[in-house]
Amino acid sequence: MIREMEERPWGRFEVLYEEEGMKVKRITVRPGRRLSLQSHEQRGEDWLIMEGVARVELDNKLLHLHPHQVVHIPPKARHRVACESEEDLVFVEVQRGKYLGEDDIVRYEDDYNRV
């Protein structure tokens, strides 16, 4: 059961599961789009790529991930994901930490003027 779905300029996310200290989302990024370069103070994330090709910036590293690959994003790490495929990028994000609110985001760069 989807608990929440929100559209964004880059695609959408759906909250699939949530309990204290953990939230699971299905995130869809449209071709050619990317999320903000951002960090989170109070949570870490793991991303499992389901469909498409992801270009992941993680601190000073650049990764290209394909279906069934996973990346771990520790708290406070600067990160961003972009869709590099002609079809949507779909990945599952597992957040864990003491606070999982959407306002725990520090944006450094953003294609949609949300910095």
PDB file of N, CA and C in Angstrom:
ATOM      1  N   MET A   1       0.834  -1.182   0.000  1.00  0.00           N
ATOM      2  CA  MET A   1       0.000   0.000   0.000  1.00  0.00           C
ATOM      3  C   MET A   1       0.885   1.255   0.000  1.00  0.00           C
ATOM      4  N   ILE A   2       0.636   2.164  -0.924  1.00  0.00           N
ATOM      5  CA  ILE A   2       1.365   3.424  -0.980  1.00  0.00           C
ATOM      6  C   ILE A   2       0.751   4.381   0.030  1.00  0.00           C
ATOM      7  N   ARG A   3       1.601   4.902   0.913  1.00  0.00           N
ATOM      8  CA  ARG A   3       1.121   5.798   1.961  1.00  0.00           C
ATOM      9  C   ARG A   3       1.062   7.238   1.490  1.00  0.00           C
ATOM     10  N   GLU A   4       1.952   7.602   0.568  1.00  0.00           N
ATOM     11  CA  GLU A   4       2.053   8.998   0.153  1.00  0.00           C
ATOM     12  C   GLU A   4       2.741   9.034  -1.205  1.00  0.00           C
ATOM     13  N   MET A   5       2.308   9.944  -2.099  1.00  0.00           N
ATOM     14  CA  MET A   5       2.974  10.131  -3.380  1.00  0.00           C
ATOM     15  C   MET A   5       3.063  11.628  -3.638  1.00  0.00           C
ATOM     16  N   GLU A   6       4.250  12.074  -4.067  1.00  0.00           N
ATOM     17  CA  GLU A   6       4.446  13.486  -4.366  1.00  0.00           C
ATOM     18  C   GLU A   6       5.156  13.636  -5.694  1.00  0.00           C
ATOM     19  N   GLU A   7       4.636  14.549  -6.517  1.00  0.00           N
ATOM     20  CA  GLU A   7       5.277  14.902  -7.780  1.00  0.00           C
ATOM     21  C   GLU A   7       6.349  15.950  -7.505  1.00  0.00           C
ATOM     22  N   ARG A   8       7.437  15.879  -8.255  1.00  0.00           N
ATOM     23  CA  ARG A   8       8.532  16.832  -8.184  1.00  0.00           C
ATOM     24  C   ARG A   8       8.893  17.242  -9.616  1.00  0.00           C
ATOM     25  N   PRO A   9       9.669  18.300  -9.801  1.00  0.00           N
ATOM     26  CA  PRO A   9      10.048  18.701 -11.165  1.00  0.00           C
ATOM     27  C   PRO A   9      10.857  17.622 -11.896  1.00  0.00           C
ATOM     28  N   TRP A  10      11.552  16.777 -11.170  1.00  0.00           N
ATOM     29  CA  TRP A  10      12.395  15.736 -11.754  1.00  0.00           C
ATOM     30  C   TRP A  10      11.684  14.403 -11.904  1.00  0.00           C
ATOM     31  N   GLY A  11      10.500  14.240 -11.299  1.00  0.00           N
ATOM     32  CA  GLY A  11       9.779  12.965 -11.336  1.00  0.00           C
ATOM     33  C   GLY A  11       8.822  12.872 -10.168  1.00  0.00           C
ATOM     34  N   ARG A  12       8.921  11.782  -9.372  1.00  0.00           N
ATOM     35  CA  ARG A  12       8.041  11.630  -8.211  1.00  0.00           C
ATOM     36  C   ARG A  12       8.643  10.648  -7.222  1.00  0.00           C
ATOM     37  N   PHE A  13       8.079  10.675  -6.009  1.00  0.00           N
ATOM     38  CA  PHE A  13       8.422   9.643  -5.033  1.00  0.00           C
ATOM     39  C   PHE A  13       7.155   9.161  -4.362  1.00  0.00           C
ATOM     40  N   GLU A  14       7.202   7.900  -3.948  1.00  0.00           N
ATOM     41  CA  GLU A  14       6.094   7.259  -3.252  1.00  0.00           C
ATOM     42  C   GLU A  14       6.641   6.669  -1.960  1.00  0.00           C
ATOM     43  N   VAL A  15       6.009   6.979  -0.849  1.00  0.00           N
ATOM     44  CA  VAL A  15       6.390   6.366   0.422  1.00  0.00           C
ATOM     45  C   VAL A  15       5.677   5.014   0.497  1.00  0.00           C
ATOM     46  N   LEU A  16       6.468   3.942   0.535  1.00  0.00           N
ATOM     47  CA  LEU A  16       5.917   2.591   0.561  1.00  0.00           C
ATOM     48  C   LEU A  16       5.726   2.068   1.971  1.00  0.00           C
ATOM     49  N   TYR A  17       6.615   2.496   2.875  1.00  0.00           N
ATOM     50  CA  TYR A  17       6.579   1.976   4.242  1.00  0.00           C
ATOM     51  C   TYR A  17       7.258   2.984   5.151  1.00  0.00           C
ATOM     52  N   GLU A  18       6.752   3.093   6.378  1.00  0.00           N
ATOM     53  CA  GLU A  18       7.359   4.013   7.335  1.00  0.00           C
ATOM     54  C   GLU A  18       7.113   3.505   8.749  1.00  0.00           C
ATOM     55  N   GLU A  19       8.188   3.545   9.546  1.00  0.00           N
ATOM     56  CA  GLU A  19       8.090   3.276  10.971  1.00  0.00           C
ATOM     57  C   GLU A  19       9.147   4.146  11.643  1.00  0.00           C
ATOM     58  N   GLU A  20       9.165   4.181  12.947  1.00  0.00           N
ATOM     59  CA  GLU A  20      10.131   5.024  13.641  1.00  0.00           C
ATOM     60  C   GLU A  20      11.553   4.615  13.250  1.00  0.00           C
ATOM     61  N   GLY A  21      12.318   5.575  12.739  1.00  0.00           N
ATOM     62  CA  GLY A  21      13.708   5.337  12.376  1.00  0.00           C
ATOM     63  C   GLY A  21      13.951   4.789  10.991  1.00  0.00           C
ATOM     64  N   MET A  22      12.876   4.515  10.204  1.00  0.00           N
ATOM     65  CA  MET A  22      13.046   3.959   8.853  1.00  0.00           C
ATOM     66  C   MET A  22      11.897   4.380   7.946  1.00  0.00           C
ATOM     67  N   LYS A  23      12.245   4.711   6.701  1.00  0.00           N
ATOM     68  CA  LYS A  23      11.249   5.022   5.680  1.00  0.00           C
ATOM     69  C   LYS A  23      11.730   4.418   4.367  1.00  0.00           C
ATOM     70  N   VAL A  24      10.803   3.827   3.604  1.00  0.00           N
ATOM     71  CA  VAL A  24      11.126   3.218   2.316  1.00  0.00           C
ATOM     72  C   VAL A  24      10.336   3.952   1.238  1.00  0.00           C
ATOM     73  N   LYS A  25      11.058   4.423   0.206  1.00  0.00           N
ATOM     74  CA  LYS A  25      10.434   5.150  -0.901  1.00  0.00           C
ATOM     75  C   LYS A  25      10.768   4.480  -2.227  1.00  0.00           C
ATOM     76  N   ARG A  26       9.852   4.618  -3.175  1.00  0.00           N
ATOM     77  CA  ARG A  26      10.106   4.278  -4.578  1.00  0.00           C
ATOM     78  C   ARG A  26      10.241   5.618  -5.294  1.00  0.00           C
ATOM     79  N   ILE A  27      11.395   5.865  -5.902  1.00  0.00           N
ATOM     80  CA  ILE A  27      11.676   7.152  -6.530  1.00  0.00           C
ATOM     81  C   ILE A  27      11.816   6.942  -8.033  1.00  0.00           C
ATOM     82  N   THR A  28      11.142   7.792  -8.804  1.00  0.00           N
ATOM     83  CA  THR A  28      11.202   7.758 -10.265  1.00  0.00           C
ATOM     84  C   THR A  28      11.760   9.089 -10.754  1.00  0.00           C
ATOM     85  N   VAL A  29      12.843   9.019 -11.544  1.00  0.00           N
ATOM     86  CA  VAL A  29      13.479  10.204 -12.116  1.00  0.00           C
ATOM     87  C   VAL A  29      13.334  10.124 -13.635  1.00  0.00           C
ATOM     88  N   ARG A  30      12.803  11.169 -14.238  1.00  0.00           N
ATOM     89  CA  ARG A  30      12.588  11.188 -15.679  1.00  0.00           C
ATOM     90  C   ARG A  30      13.915  11.317 -16.436  1.00  0.00           C
ATOM     91  N   PRO A  31      13.970  10.835 -17.662  1.00  0.00           N
ATOM     92  CA  PRO A  31      15.198  10.932 -18.458  1.00  0.00           C
ATOM     93  C   PRO A  31      15.710  12.378 -18.542  1.00  0.00           C
ATOM     94  N   GLY A  32      17.022  12.535 -18.347  1.00  0.00           N
ATOM     95  CA  GLY A  32      17.648  13.847 -18.427  1.00  0.00           C
ATOM     96  C   GLY A  32      17.466  14.717 -17.198  1.00  0.00           C
ATOM     97  N   ARG A  33      16.752  14.257 -16.203  1.00  0.00           N
ATOM     98  CA  ARG A  33      16.503  15.045 -14.995  1.00  0.00           C
ATOM     99  C   ARG A  33      17.405  14.571 -13.870  1.00  0.00           C
ATOM    100  N   ARG A  34      17.567  15.447 -12.858  1.00  0.00           N
ATOM    101  CA  ARG A  34      18.370  15.087 -11.690  1.00  0.00           C
ATOM    102  C   ARG A  34      17.837  15.800 -10.462  1.00  0.00           C
ATOM    103  N   LEU A  35      18.152  15.231  -9.313  1.00  0.00           N
ATOM    104  CA  LEU A  35      17.774  15.824  -8.033  1.00  0.00           C
ATOM    105  C   LEU A  35      18.820  16.851  -7.630  1.00  0.00           C
ATOM    106  N   SER A  36      18.545  17.580  -6.574  1.00  0.00           N
ATOM    107  CA  SER A  36      19.490  18.560  -6.033  1.00  0.00           C
ATOM    108  C   SER A  36      20.764  17.871  -5.554  1.00  0.00           C
ATOM    109  N   LEU A  37      21.872  18.620  -5.610  1.00  0.00           N
ATOM    110  CA  LEU A  37      23.064  18.214  -4.873  1.00  0.00           C
ATOM    111  C   LEU A  37      22.760  18.582  -3.433  1.00  0.00           C
ATOM    112  N   GLN A  38      22.712  17.585  -2.552  1.00  0.00           N
ATOM    113  CA  GLN A  38      22.187  17.794  -1.211  1.00  0.00           C
ATOM    114  C   GLN A  38      22.887  16.915  -0.192  1.00  0.00           C
ATOM    115  N   SER A  39      22.599  17.189   1.071  1.00  0.00           N
ATOM    116  CA  SER A  39      23.021  16.315   2.163  1.00  0.00           C
ATOM    117  C   SER A  39      21.903  16.302   3.205  1.00  0.00           C
ATOM    118  N   HIS A  40      21.986  15.340   4.100  1.00  0.00           N
ATOM    119  CA  HIS A  40      21.031  15.207   5.196  1.00  0.00           C
ATOM    120  C   HIS A  40      21.823  15.127   6.490  1.00  0.00           C
ATOM    121  N   GLU A  41      21.434  15.889   7.454  1.00  0.00           N
ATOM    122  CA  GLU A  41      22.138  15.917   8.737  1.00  0.00           C
ATOM    123  C   GLU A  41      21.845  14.694   9.588  1.00  0.00           C
ATOM    124  N   GLN A  42      20.603  14.195   9.532  1.00  0.00           N
ATOM    125  CA  GLN A  42      20.172  13.209  10.516  1.00  0.00           C
ATOM    126  C   GLN A  42      19.837  11.836   9.958  1.00  0.00           C
ATOM    127  N   ARG A  43      20.058  11.633   8.677  1.00  0.00           N
ATOM    128  CA  ARG A  43      19.722  10.317   8.135  1.00  0.00           C
ATOM    129  C   ARG A  43      20.748   9.865   7.098  1.00  0.00           C
ATOM    130  N   GLY A  44      20.853   8.552   6.966  1.00  0.00           N
ATOM    131  CA  GLY A  44      21.596   7.928   5.889  1.00  0.00           C
ATOM    132  C   GLY A  44      20.602   7.261   4.957  1.00  0.00           C
ATOM    133  N   GLU A  45      21.057   6.923   3.764  1.00  0.00           N
ATOM    134  CA  GLU A  45      20.173   6.312   2.768  1.00  0.00           C
ATOM    135  C   GLU A  45      20.914   5.199   2.038  1.00  0.00           C
ATOM    136  N   ASP A  46      20.166   4.204   1.593  1.00  0.00           N
ATOM    137  CA  ASP A  46      20.657   3.185   0.678  1.00  0.00           C
ATOM    138  C   ASP A  46      19.743   3.200  -0.529  1.00  0.00           C
ATOM    139  N   TRP A  47      20.332   3.198  -1.719  1.00  0.00           N
ATOM    140  CA  TRP A  47      19.561   3.208  -2.957  1.00  0.00           C
ATOM    141  C   TRP A  47      19.795   1.902  -3.708  1.00  0.00           C
ATOM    142  N   LEU A  48      18.722   1.212  -4.060  1.00  0.00           N
ATOM    143  CA  LEU A  48      18.768   0.012  -4.883  1.00  0.00           C
ATOM    144  C   LEU A  48      18.159   0.354  -6.233  1.00  0.00           C
ATOM    145  N   ILE A  49      18.958   0.270  -7.286  1.00  0.00           N
ATOM    146  CA  ILE A  49      18.486   0.609  -8.629  1.00  0.00           C
ATOM    147  C   ILE A  49      17.622  -0.535  -9.144  1.00  0.00           C
ATOM    148  N   MET A  50      16.419  -0.178  -9.613  1.00  0.00           N
ATOM    149  CA  MET A  50      15.475  -1.172 -10.126  1.00  0.00           C
ATOM    150  C   MET A  50      15.393  -1.147 -11.657  1.00  0.00           C
ATOM    151  N   GLU A  51      15.340   0.069 -12.235  1.00  0.00           N
ATOM    152  CA  GLU A  51      15.225   0.231 -13.693  1.00  0.00           C
ATOM    153  C   GLU A  51      16.030   1.448 -14.115  1.00  0.00           C
ATOM    154  N   GLY A  52      16.596   1.391 -15.315  1.00  0.00           N
ATOM    155  CA  GLY A  52      17.321   2.535 -15.852  1.00  0.00           C
ATOM    156  C   GLY A  52      18.768   2.582 -15.371  1.00  0.00           C
ATOM    157  N   VAL A  53      19.438   3.682 -15.739  1.00  0.00           N
ATOM    158  CA  VAL A  53      20.839   3.893 -15.378  1.00  0.00           C
ATOM    159  C   VAL A  53      20.934   5.167 -14.553  1.00  0.00           C
ATOM    160  N   ALA A  54      21.604   5.068 -13.401  1.00  0.00           N
ATOM    161  CA  ALA A  54      21.748   6.192 -12.488  1.00  0.00           C
ATOM    162  C   ALA A  54      23.174   6.734 -12.552  1.00  0.00           C
ATOM    163  N   ARG A  55      23.272   8.054 -12.593  1.00  0.00           N
ATOM    164  CA  ARG A  55      24.557   8.738 -12.427  1.00  0.00           C
ATOM    165  C   ARG A  55      24.516   9.321 -11.018  1.00  0.00           C
ATOM    166  N   VAL A  56      25.363   8.816 -10.138  1.00  0.00           N
ATOM    167  CA  VAL A  56      25.337   9.210  -8.731  1.00  0.00           C
ATOM    168  C   VAL A  56      26.603   9.988  -8.398  1.00  0.00           C
ATOM    169  N   GLU A  57      26.418  11.197  -7.881  1.00  0.00           N
ATOM    170  CA  GLU A  57      27.518  11.964  -7.315  1.00  0.00           C
ATOM    171  C   GLU A  57      27.469  11.729  -5.810  1.00  0.00           C
ATOM    172  N   LEU A  58      28.565  11.265  -5.245  1.00  0.00           N
ATOM    173  CA  LEU A  58      28.637  10.988  -3.816  1.00  0.00           C
ATOM    174  C   LEU A  58      29.948  11.558  -3.298  1.00  0.00           C
ATOM    175  N   ASP A  59      29.837  12.682  -2.577  1.00  0.00           N
ATOM    176  CA  ASP A  59      31.008  13.450  -2.173  1.00  0.00           C
ATOM    177  C   ASP A  59      31.858  13.702  -3.413  1.00  0.00           C
ATOM    178  N   ASN A  60      33.073  13.236  -3.482  1.00  0.00           N
ATOM    179  CA  ASN A  60      33.926  13.530  -4.644  1.00  0.00           C
ATOM    180  C   ASN A  60      33.998  12.385  -5.640  1.00  0.00           C
ATOM    181  N   LYS A  61      33.050  11.440  -5.568  1.00  0.00           N
ATOM    182  CA  LYS A  61      33.041  10.283  -6.468  1.00  0.00           C
ATOM    183  C   LYS A  61      31.873  10.377  -7.441  1.00  0.00           C
ATOM    184  N   LEU A  62      32.073   9.807  -8.622  1.00  0.00           N
ATOM    185  CA  LEU A  62      31.023   9.700  -9.626  1.00  0.00           C
ATOM    186  C   LEU A  62      30.818   8.221  -9.919  1.00  0.00           C
ATOM    187  N   LEU A  63      29.579   7.745  -9.773  1.00  0.00           N
ATOM    188  CA  LEU A  63      29.246   6.338  -9.976  1.00  0.00           C
ATOM    189  C   LEU A  63      28.167   6.215 -11.038  1.00  0.00           C
ATOM    190  N   HIS A  64      28.242   5.145 -11.822  1.00  0.00           N
ATOM    191  CA  HIS A  64      27.184   4.807 -12.777  1.00  0.00           C
ATOM    192  C   HIS A  64      26.622   3.465 -12.330  1.00  0.00           C
ATOM    193  N   LEU A  65      25.347   3.470 -11.955  1.00  0.00           N
ATOM    194  CA  LEU A  65      24.724   2.269 -11.401  1.00  0.00           C
ATOM    195  C   LEU A  65      23.630   1.753 -12.316  1.00  0.00           C
ATOM    196  N   HIS A  66      23.519   0.444 -12.363  1.00  0.00           N
ATOM    197  CA  HIS A  66      22.542  -0.261 -13.196  1.00  0.00           C
ATOM    198  C   HIS A  66      21.631  -1.090 -12.295  1.00  0.00           C
ATOM    199  N   PRO A  67      20.556  -1.657 -12.862  1.00  0.00           N
ATOM    200  CA  PRO A  67      19.653  -2.455 -12.039  1.00  0.00           C
ATOM    201  C   PRO A  67      20.381  -3.499 -11.196  1.00  0.00           C
ATOM    202  N   HIS A  68      19.915  -3.636  -9.970  1.00  0.00           N
ATOM    203  CA  HIS A  68      20.409  -4.565  -8.947  1.00  0.00           C
ATOM    204  C   HIS A  68      21.660  -4.063  -8.232  1.00  0.00           C
ATOM    205  N   GLN A  69      22.139  -2.865  -8.554  1.00  0.00           N
ATOM    206  CA  GLN A  69      23.281  -2.305  -7.839  1.00  0.00           C
ATOM    207  C   GLN A  69      22.784  -1.377  -6.734  1.00  0.00           C
ATOM    208  N   VAL A  70      23.602  -1.245  -5.681  1.00  0.00           N
ATOM    209  CA  VAL A  70      23.231  -0.489  -4.487  1.00  0.00           C
ATOM    210  C   VAL A  70      24.344   0.496  -4.158  1.00  0.00           C
ATOM    211  N   VAL A  71      23.941   1.658  -3.636  1.00  0.00           N
ATOM    212  CA  VAL A  71      24.903   2.621  -3.114  1.00  0.00           C
ATOM    213  C   VAL A  71      24.452   3.035  -1.712  1.00  0.00           C
ATOM    214  N   HIS A  72      25.416   3.180  -0.812  1.00  0.00           N
ATOM    215  CA  HIS A  72      25.159   3.628   0.561  1.00  0.00           C
ATOM    216  C   HIS A  72      25.550   5.098   0.671  1.00  0.00           C
ATOM    217  N   ILE A  73      24.662   5.914   1.195  1.00  0.00           N
ATOM    218  CA  ILE A  73      24.903   7.339   1.379  1.00  0.00           C
ATOM    219  C   ILE A  73      24.866   7.634   2.876  1.00  0.00           C
ATOM    220  N   PRO A  74      26.025   7.894   3.471  1.00  0.00           N
ATOM    221  CA  PRO A  74      26.040   8.164   4.908  1.00  0.00           C
ATOM    222  C   PRO A  74      25.481   9.538   5.238  1.00  0.00           C
ATOM    223  N   PRO A  75      25.063   9.758   6.480  1.00  0.00           N
ATOM    224  CA  PRO A  75      24.617  11.094   6.880  1.00  0.00           C
ATOM    225  C   PRO A  75      25.713  12.121   6.578  1.00  0.00           C
ATOM    226  N   LYS A  76      25.284  13.310   6.194  1.00  0.00           N
ATOM    227  CA  LYS A  76      26.134  14.470   5.905  1.00  0.00           C
ATOM    228  C   LYS A  76      26.913  14.380   4.598  1.00  0.00           C
ATOM    229  N   ALA A  77      26.817  13.269   3.846  1.00  0.00           N
ATOM    230  CA  ALA A  77      27.505  13.146   2.559  1.00  0.00           C
ATOM    231  C   ALA A  77      26.743  13.944   1.499  1.00  0.00           C
ATOM    232  N   ARG A  78      27.459  14.692   0.688  1.00  0.00           N
ATOM    233  CA  ARG A  78      26.832  15.390  -0.441  1.00  0.00           C
ATOM    234  C   ARG A  78      26.544  14.361  -1.528  1.00  0.00           C
ATOM    235  N   HIS A  79      25.325  14.399  -2.036  1.00  0.00           N
ATOM    236  CA  HIS A  79      24.932  13.406  -3.029  1.00  0.00           C
ATOM    237  C   HIS A  79      23.881  13.955  -3.981  1.00  0.00           C
ATOM    238  N   ARG A  80      23.809  13.326  -5.151  1.00  0.00           N
ATOM    239  CA  ARG A  80      22.823  13.667  -6.168  1.00  0.00           C
ATOM    240  C   ARG A  80      22.684  12.459  -7.092  1.00  0.00           C
ATOM    241  N   VAL A  81      21.498  12.288  -7.650  1.00  0.00           N
ATOM    242  CA  VAL A  81      21.270  11.234  -8.629  1.00  0.00           C
ATOM    243  C   VAL A  81      20.637  11.848  -9.863  1.00  0.00           C
ATOM    244  N   ALA A  82      21.028  11.327 -11.039  1.00  0.00           N
ATOM    245  CA  ALA A  82      20.470  11.758 -12.321  1.00  0.00           C
ATOM    246  C   ALA A  82      20.111  10.523 -13.138  1.00  0.00           C
ATOM    247  N   CYS A  83      19.123  10.681 -13.990  1.00  0.00           N
ATOM    248  CA  CYS A  83      18.722   9.596 -14.888  1.00  0.00           C
ATOM    249  C   CYS A  83      19.539   9.710 -16.166  1.00  0.00           C
ATOM    250  N   GLU A  84      20.332   8.679 -16.467  1.00  0.00           N
ATOM    251  CA  GLU A  84      21.164   8.671 -17.672  1.00  0.00           C
ATOM    252  C   GLU A  84      20.599   7.785 -18.763  1.00  0.00           C
ATOM    253  N   SER A  85      19.446   7.197 -18.560  1.00  0.00           N
ATOM    254  CA  SER A  85      18.876   6.301 -19.562  1.00  0.00           C
ATOM    255  C   SER A  85      17.747   7.003 -20.313  1.00  0.00           C
ATOM    256  N   GLU A  86      17.321   6.384 -21.399  1.00  0.00           N
ATOM    257  CA  GLU A  86      16.219   6.942 -22.186  1.00  0.00           C
ATOM    258  C   GLU A  86      14.867   6.640 -21.556  1.00  0.00           C
ATOM    259  N   GLU A  87      14.853   5.686 -20.631  1.00  0.00           N
ATOM    260  CA  GLU A  87      13.634   5.392 -19.874  1.00  0.00           C
ATOM    261  C   GLU A  87      13.813   5.913 -18.459  1.00  0.00           C
ATOM    262  N   ASP A  88      12.724   5.937 -17.712  1.00  0.00           N
ATOM    263  CA  ASP A  88      12.778   6.413 -16.329  1.00  0.00           C
ATOM    264  C   ASP A  88      13.794   5.626 -15.507  1.00  0.00           C
ATOM    265  N   LEU A  89      14.416   6.319 -14.575  1.00  0.00           N
ATOM    266  CA  LEU A  89      15.223   5.691 -13.545  1.00  0.00           C
ATOM    267  C   LEU A  89      14.303   5.416 -12.361  1.00  0.00           C
ATOM    268  N   VAL A  90      14.269   4.198 -11.892  1.00  0.00           N
ATOM    269  CA  VAL A  90      13.454   3.831 -10.732  1.00  0.00           C
ATOM    270  C   VAL A  90      14.371   3.176  -9.713  1.00  0.00           C
ATOM    271  N   PHE A  91      14.334   3.678  -8.480  1.00  0.00           N
ATOM    272  CA  PHE A  91      15.118   3.057  -7.421  1.00  0.00           C
ATOM    273  C   PHE A  91      14.348   3.085  -6.109  1.00  0.00           C
ATOM    274  N   VAL A  92      14.731   2.169  -5.235  1.00  0.00           N
ATOM    275  CA  VAL A  92      14.160   2.099  -3.896  1.00  0.00           C
ATOM    276  C   VAL A  92      15.163   2.751  -2.957  1.00  0.00           C
ATOM    277  N   GLU A  93      14.654   3.674  -2.150  1.00  0.00           N
ATOM    278  CA  GLU A  93      15.475   4.373  -1.174  1.00  0.00           C
ATOM    279  C   GLU A  93      15.042   3.938   0.214  1.00  0.00           C
ATOM    280  N   VAL A  94      16.001   3.467   1.015  1.00  0.00           N
ATOM    281  CA  VAL A  94      15.734   3.130   2.403  1.00  0.00           C
ATOM    282  C   VAL A  94      16.448   4.167   3.257  1.00  0.00           C
ATOM    283  N   GLN A  95      15.670   4.952   3.962  1.00  0.00           N
ATOM    284  CA  GLN A  95      16.205   5.973   4.864  1.00  0.00           C
ATOM    285  C   GLN A  95      16.212   5.410   6.274  1.00  0.00           C
ATOM    286  N   ARG A  96      17.281   5.754   7.034  1.00  0.00           N
ATOM    287  CA  ARG A  96      17.284   5.375   8.427  1.00  0.00           C
ATOM    288  C   ARG A  96      17.969   6.459   9.235  1.00  0.00           C
ATOM    289  N   GLY A  97      17.443   6.707  10.406  1.00  0.00           N
ATOM    290  CA  GLY A  97      17.978   7.743  11.270  1.00  0.00           C
ATOM    291  C   GLY A  97      16.938   8.170  12.299  1.00  0.00           C
ATOM    292  N   LYS A  98      17.338   9.092  13.163  1.00  0.00           N
ATOM    293  CA  LYS A  98      16.441   9.568  14.219  1.00  0.00           C
ATOM    294  C   LYS A  98      15.353  10.483  13.686  1.00  0.00           C
ATOM    295  N   TYR A  99      15.641  11.219  12.595  1.00  0.00           N
ATOM    296  CA  TYR A  99      14.655  12.131  12.012  1.00  0.00           C
ATOM    297  C   TYR A  99      14.655  11.944  10.510  1.00  0.00           C
ATOM    298  N   LEU A 100      13.476  11.719   9.929  1.00  0.00           N
ATOM    299  CA  LEU A 100      13.362  11.402   8.497  1.00  0.00           C
ATOM    300  C   LEU A 100      12.510  12.404   7.732  1.00  0.00           C
ATOM    301  N   GLY A 101      12.287  13.589   8.292  1.00  0.00           N
ATOM    302  CA  GLY A 101      11.440  14.583   7.635  1.00  0.00           C
ATOM    303  C   GLY A 101      12.045  15.119   6.352  1.00  0.00           C
ATOM    304  N   GLU A 102      11.162  15.532   5.435  1.00  0.00           N
ATOM    305  CA  GLU A 102      11.608  16.097   4.155  1.00  0.00           C
ATOM    306  C   GLU A 102      12.379  17.405   4.337  1.00  0.00           C
ATOM    307  N   ASP A 103      12.272  18.036   5.492  1.00  0.00           N
ATOM    308  CA  ASP A 103      12.989  19.295   5.713  1.00  0.00           C
ATOM    309  C   ASP A 103      14.419  19.068   6.221  1.00  0.00           C
ATOM    310  N   ASP A 104      14.870  17.823   6.326  1.00  0.00           N
ATOM    311  CA  ASP A 104      16.266  17.536   6.688  1.00  0.00           C
ATOM    312  C   ASP A 104      17.109  17.471   5.410  1.00  0.00           C
ATOM    313  N   ILE A 105      17.057  18.540   4.631  1.00  0.00           N
ATOM    314  CA  ILE A 105      17.803  18.623   3.378  1.00  0.00           C
ATOM    315  C   ILE A 105      18.565  19.938   3.364  1.00  0.00           C
ATOM    316  N   VAL A 106      19.865  19.842   3.079  1.00  0.00           N
ATOM    317  CA  VAL A 106      20.677  21.020   2.785  1.00  0.00           C
ATOM    318  C   VAL A 106      20.962  20.943   1.300  1.00  0.00           C
ATOM    319  N   ARG A 107      20.481  21.929   0.528  1.00  0.00           N
ATOM    320  CA  ARG A 107      20.703  21.935  -0.915  1.00  0.00           C
ATOM    321  C   ARG A 107      21.880  22.845  -1.255  1.00  0.00           C
ATOM    322  N   TYR A 108      22.790  22.335  -2.099  1.00  0.00           N
ATOM    323  CA  TYR A 108      23.966  23.088  -2.529  1.00  0.00           C
ATOM    324  C   TYR A 108      23.806  23.584  -3.965  1.00  0.00           C
ATOM    325  N   GLU A 109      23.171  22.768  -4.815  1.00  0.00           N
ATOM    326  CA  GLU A 109      22.870  23.123  -6.207  1.00  0.00           C
ATOM    327  C   GLU A 109      21.523  22.526  -6.548  1.00  0.00           C
ATOM    328  N   ASP A 110      20.776  23.229  -7.413  1.00  0.00           N
ATOM    329  CA  ASP A 110      19.454  22.717  -7.778  1.00  0.00           C
ATOM    330  C   ASP A 110      19.065  23.279  -9.135  1.00  0.00           C
ATOM    331  N   ASP A 111      18.609  22.415 -10.045  1.00  0.00           N
ATOM    332  CA  ASP A 111      18.187  22.828 -11.383  1.00  0.00           C
ATOM    333  C   ASP A 111      16.837  23.553 -11.365  1.00  0.00           C
ATOM    334  N   TYR A 112      16.137  23.520 -10.247  1.00  0.00           N
ATOM    335  CA  TYR A 112      14.772  24.038 -10.179  1.00  0.00           C
ATOM    336  C   TYR A 112      14.650  25.208  -9.189  1.00  0.00           C
ATOM    337  N   ASN A 113      15.760  25.887  -8.920  1.00  0.00           N
ATOM    338  CA  ASN A 113      15.793  27.097  -8.068  1.00  0.00           C
ATOM    339  C   ASN A 113      15.246  26.868  -6.674  1.00  0.00           C
ATOM    340  N   ARG A 114      15.585  25.740  -6.050  1.00  0.00           N
ATOM    341  CA  ARG A 114      15.126  25.470  -4.693  1.00  0.00           C
ATOM    342  C   ARG A 114      16.248  25.590  -3.664  1.00  0.00           C
ATOM    343  N   VAL A 115      17.377  26.157  -4.034  1.00  0.00           N
ATOM    344  CA  VAL A 115      18.496  26.302  -3.080  1.00  0.00           C
ATOM    345  C   VAL A 115      18.170  27.384  -2.074  1.00  0.00           C
TER     346      VAL A 115
END
